[in-house]
Amino acid sequence: MKSRKFNMTTIQEIRSKAMALPATERASLAHDLILSLDDAAVFELSPEQETEIQRRLEMVRRETAQGRSAAGVFADIKAKYA
């Protein structure tokens, strides 16, 4: 893959447009970007991980996913490891 130089404005524009996408499209884009990295083997997912990602993505699409606040997640982590 050829490296292209982008200025920060271009990257910020891409990021801004990406963040405006619906959650399912952002998840798909994030997955594709990770897979596109030169050292993709570092990020290779097991079949079980791929299955879990697809299961969760389908829950988001069906609008049955139940999220948690970041504050709650971080509080749980802090309580567990503090």
N, C-alpha and C. Protein backbone atom coordinates (compact mmCIF):
# COMPACT_ATOMS: atom_id res chain seq x y z
N MET A 1 0.85 -1.18 0.00
CA MET A 1 0.00 0.00 0.00
C MET A 1 0.88 1.23 0.00
N LYS A 2 0.61 2.15 -0.89
CA LYS A 2 1.39 3.38 -0.96
C LYS A 2 0.98 4.33 0.15
N SER A 3 1.97 4.99 0.69
CA SER A 3 1.71 5.98 1.72
C SER A 3 1.34 7.30 1.06
N ARG A 4 0.29 7.91 1.53
CA ARG A 4 -0.12 9.22 1.03
C ARG A 4 0.03 10.22 2.16
N LYS A 5 0.48 11.39 1.79
CA LYS A 5 0.61 12.44 2.80
C LYS A 5 -0.69 13.24 2.84
N PHE A 6 -1.21 13.38 4.03
CA PHE A 6 -2.41 14.17 4.25
C PHE A 6 -2.06 15.25 5.26
N ASN A 7 -2.61 16.43 5.04
CA ASN A 7 -2.39 17.46 6.04
C ASN A 7 -3.41 17.26 7.16
N MET A 8 -3.17 17.92 8.27
CA MET A 8 -4.04 17.74 9.44
C MET A 8 -5.48 18.15 9.16
N THR A 9 -5.66 19.16 8.30
CA THR A 9 -7.02 19.58 7.98
C THR A 9 -7.78 18.45 7.31
N THR A 10 -7.12 17.75 6.37
CA THR A 10 -7.76 16.64 5.69
C THR A 10 -8.12 15.54 6.68
N ILE A 11 -7.19 15.20 7.56
CA ILE A 11 -7.45 14.15 8.55
C ILE A 11 -8.58 14.57 9.48
N GLN A 12 -8.59 15.82 9.90
CA GLN A 12 -9.66 16.31 10.77
C GLN A 12 -11.01 16.27 10.06
N GLU A 13 -11.02 16.61 8.77
CA GLU A 13 -12.26 16.55 8.00
C GLU A 13 -12.77 15.11 7.89
N ILE A 14 -11.85 14.19 7.60
CA ILE A 14 -12.23 12.78 7.50
C ILE A 14 -12.77 12.30 8.84
N ARG A 15 -12.06 12.64 9.92
CA ARG A 15 -12.49 12.22 11.25
C ARG A 15 -13.88 12.79 11.58
N SER A 16 -14.08 14.06 11.27
CA SER A 16 -15.36 14.71 11.55
C SER A 16 -16.49 14.03 10.78
N LYS A 17 -16.25 13.75 9.51
CA LYS A 17 -17.28 13.09 8.71
C LYS A 17 -17.53 11.67 9.20
N ALA A 18 -16.46 10.98 9.59
CA ALA A 18 -16.62 9.61 10.09
C ALA A 18 -17.43 9.60 11.39
N MET A 19 -17.17 10.57 12.27
CA MET A 19 -17.89 10.62 13.54
C MET A 19 -19.36 10.94 13.36
N ALA A 20 -19.72 11.51 12.22
CA ALA A 20 -21.12 11.84 11.95
C ALA A 20 -21.90 10.63 11.42
N LEU A 21 -21.20 9.55 11.11
CA LEU A 21 -21.86 8.35 10.60
C LEU A 21 -22.65 7.67 11.71
N PRO A 22 -23.67 6.90 11.36
CA PRO A 22 -24.37 6.10 12.36
C PRO A 22 -23.40 5.09 13.01
N ALA A 23 -23.72 4.65 14.19
CA ALA A 23 -22.84 3.76 14.96
C ALA A 23 -22.44 2.52 14.18
N THR A 24 -23.38 1.90 13.48
CA THR A 24 -23.04 0.67 12.75
C THR A 24 -22.03 0.94 11.65
N GLU A 25 -22.16 2.08 10.98
CA GLU A 25 -21.21 2.40 9.91
C GLU A 25 -19.85 2.77 10.49
N ARG A 26 -19.83 3.44 11.66
CA ARG A 26 -18.54 3.74 12.30
C ARG A 26 -17.84 2.46 12.72
N ALA A 27 -18.61 1.51 13.26
CA ALA A 27 -18.02 0.23 13.67
C ALA A 27 -17.44 -0.50 12.47
N SER A 28 -18.16 -0.51 11.39
CA SER A 28 -17.68 -1.17 10.18
C SER A 28 -16.42 -0.48 9.65
N LEU A 29 -16.42 0.84 9.65
CA LEU A 29 -15.25 1.60 9.19
C LEU A 29 -14.05 1.32 10.09
N ALA A 30 -14.26 1.32 11.40
CA ALA A 30 -13.16 1.06 12.34
C ALA A 30 -12.57 -0.32 12.09
N HIS A 31 -13.42 -1.29 11.88
CA HIS A 31 -12.97 -2.66 11.61
C HIS A 31 -12.13 -2.69 10.33
N ASP A 32 -12.62 -2.05 9.28
CA ASP A 32 -11.89 -2.01 8.01
C ASP A 32 -10.55 -1.30 8.15
N LEU A 33 -10.52 -0.21 8.92
CA LEU A 33 -9.27 0.53 9.10
C LEU A 33 -8.24 -0.31 9.85
N ILE A 34 -8.67 -1.01 10.87
CA ILE A 34 -7.75 -1.88 11.62
C ILE A 34 -7.19 -2.96 10.70
N LEU A 35 -8.05 -3.56 9.91
CA LEU A 35 -7.59 -4.61 9.00
C LEU A 35 -6.65 -4.07 7.93
N SER A 36 -6.73 -2.78 7.64
CA SER A 36 -5.90 -2.20 6.59
C SER A 36 -4.49 -1.86 7.05
N LEU A 37 -4.23 -1.95 8.34
CA LEU A 37 -2.90 -1.61 8.85
C LEU A 37 -1.85 -2.54 8.27
N ASP A 38 -0.66 -2.01 8.02
CA ASP A 38 0.42 -2.80 7.43
C ASP A 38 0.75 -4.03 8.25
N ASP A 39 0.74 -3.91 9.55
CA ASP A 39 1.06 -5.03 10.42
C ASP A 39 -0.24 -5.62 10.96
N ALA A 40 -1.10 -6.02 10.05
CA ALA A 40 -2.43 -6.50 10.43
C ALA A 40 -2.37 -7.75 11.29
N ALA A 41 -1.30 -8.52 11.21
CA ALA A 41 -1.20 -9.73 12.01
C ALA A 41 -1.28 -9.42 13.50
N VAL A 42 -0.79 -8.25 13.88
CA VAL A 42 -0.86 -7.84 15.28
C VAL A 42 -2.31 -7.69 15.71
N PHE A 43 -3.18 -7.32 14.77
CA PHE A 43 -4.57 -7.06 15.07
C PHE A 43 -5.50 -8.16 14.57
N GLU A 44 -4.93 -9.29 14.17
CA GLU A 44 -5.75 -10.36 13.64
C GLU A 44 -6.68 -10.88 14.74
N LEU A 45 -7.94 -11.00 14.39
CA LEU A 45 -8.93 -11.47 15.34
C LEU A 45 -9.15 -12.96 15.18
N SER A 46 -9.42 -13.61 16.29
CA SER A 46 -9.75 -15.03 16.23
C SER A 46 -11.15 -15.19 15.66
N PRO A 47 -11.50 -16.37 15.20
CA PRO A 47 -12.87 -16.59 14.72
C PRO A 47 -13.91 -16.26 15.79
N GLU A 48 -13.57 -16.55 17.05
CA GLU A 48 -14.50 -16.26 18.15
C GLU A 48 -14.70 -14.76 18.31
N GLN A 49 -13.62 -13.99 18.18
CA GLN A 49 -13.73 -12.54 18.28
C GLN A 49 -14.55 -11.97 17.13
N GLU A 50 -14.31 -12.47 15.92
CA GLU A 50 -15.10 -12.02 14.76
C GLU A 50 -16.58 -12.32 14.98
N THR A 51 -16.88 -13.51 15.49
CA THR A 51 -18.26 -13.90 15.75
C THR A 51 -18.90 -12.96 16.77
N GLU A 52 -18.16 -12.64 17.82
CA GLU A 52 -18.68 -11.74 18.86
C GLU A 52 -18.92 -10.34 18.31
N ILE A 53 -18.01 -9.86 17.48
CA ILE A 53 -18.18 -8.54 16.85
C ILE A 53 -19.44 -8.54 16.01
N GLN A 54 -19.63 -9.56 15.20
CA GLN A 54 -20.80 -9.64 14.34
C GLN A 54 -22.09 -9.72 15.16
N ARG A 55 -22.04 -10.48 16.28
CA ARG A 55 -23.21 -10.60 17.16
C ARG A 55 -23.58 -9.24 17.74
N ARG A 56 -22.58 -8.53 18.23
CA ARG A 56 -22.84 -7.21 18.82
C ARG A 56 -23.29 -6.20 17.78
N LEU A 57 -22.70 -6.25 16.60
CA LEU A 57 -23.09 -5.35 15.52
C LEU A 57 -24.55 -5.59 15.14
N GLU A 58 -24.95 -6.84 15.09
CA GLU A 58 -26.34 -7.16 14.77
C GLU A 58 -27.28 -6.63 15.86
N MET A 59 -26.87 -6.68 17.12
CA MET A 59 -27.68 -6.13 18.20
C MET A 59 -27.86 -4.62 18.03
N VAL A 60 -26.80 -3.94 17.61
CA VAL A 60 -26.89 -2.50 17.37
C VAL A 60 -27.85 -2.24 16.22
N ARG A 61 -27.72 -3.01 15.16
CA ARG A 61 -28.60 -2.83 14.00
C ARG A 61 -30.06 -3.06 14.36
N ARG A 62 -30.33 -4.05 15.21
CA ARG A 62 -31.71 -4.34 15.62
C ARG A 62 -32.17 -3.41 16.74
N GLU A 63 -31.25 -2.58 17.22
CA GLU A 63 -31.53 -1.64 18.31
C GLU A 63 -31.93 -2.37 19.60
N THR A 64 -31.29 -3.52 19.83
CA THR A 64 -31.52 -4.26 21.07
C THR A 64 -30.30 -4.20 21.99
N ALA A 65 -29.25 -3.54 21.54
CA ALA A 65 -28.03 -3.43 22.35
C ALA A 65 -28.28 -2.51 23.53
N GLN A 66 -27.72 -2.90 24.66
CA GLN A 66 -27.82 -2.06 25.85
C GLN A 66 -26.42 -1.60 26.23
N GLY A 67 -26.19 -0.32 26.06
CA GLY A 67 -24.87 0.23 26.35
C GLY A 67 -24.72 0.61 27.81
N ARG A 68 -23.50 0.94 28.17
CA ARG A 68 -23.20 1.43 29.51
C ARG A 68 -22.45 2.74 29.37
N SER A 69 -22.59 3.57 30.36
CA SER A 69 -21.86 4.84 30.33
C SER A 69 -20.37 4.56 30.54
N ALA A 70 -19.55 5.40 29.94
CA ALA A 70 -18.10 5.28 30.13
C ALA A 70 -17.76 5.45 31.61
N ALA A 71 -18.46 6.35 32.28
CA ALA A 71 -18.20 6.58 33.71
C ALA A 71 -18.43 5.31 34.51
N GLY A 72 -19.48 4.58 34.18
CA GLY A 72 -19.77 3.33 34.88
C GLY A 72 -18.72 2.27 34.62
N VAL A 73 -18.29 2.18 33.38
CA VAL A 73 -17.25 1.20 33.01
C VAL A 73 -15.95 1.52 33.75
N PHE A 74 -15.54 2.80 33.72
CA PHE A 74 -14.30 3.18 34.39
C PHE A 74 -14.40 3.01 35.90
N ALA A 75 -15.56 3.25 36.47
CA ALA A 75 -15.74 3.04 37.91
C ALA A 75 -15.57 1.57 38.26
N ASP A 76 -16.12 0.69 37.43
CA ASP A 76 -15.96 -0.75 37.66
C ASP A 76 -14.50 -1.18 37.56
N ILE A 77 -13.79 -0.65 36.57
CA ILE A 77 -12.38 -0.99 36.40
C ILE A 77 -11.57 -0.49 37.59
N LYS A 78 -11.86 0.74 38.01
CA LYS A 78 -11.14 1.31 39.15
C LYS A 78 -11.40 0.49 40.41
N ALA A 79 -12.64 0.09 40.62
CA ALA A 79 -12.98 -0.71 41.80
C ALA A 79 -12.29 -2.07 41.76
N LYS A 80 -12.17 -2.63 40.58
CA LYS A 80 -11.57 -3.96 40.45
C LYS A 80 -10.06 -3.93 40.62
N TYR A 81 -9.40 -2.89 40.11
CA TYR A 81 -7.94 -2.87 40.08
C TYR A 81 -7.29 -1.86 41.01
N ALA A 82 -8.08 -1.09 41.74
CA ALA A 82 -7.50 -0.08 42.63
C ALA A 82 -7.07 -0.69 43.95
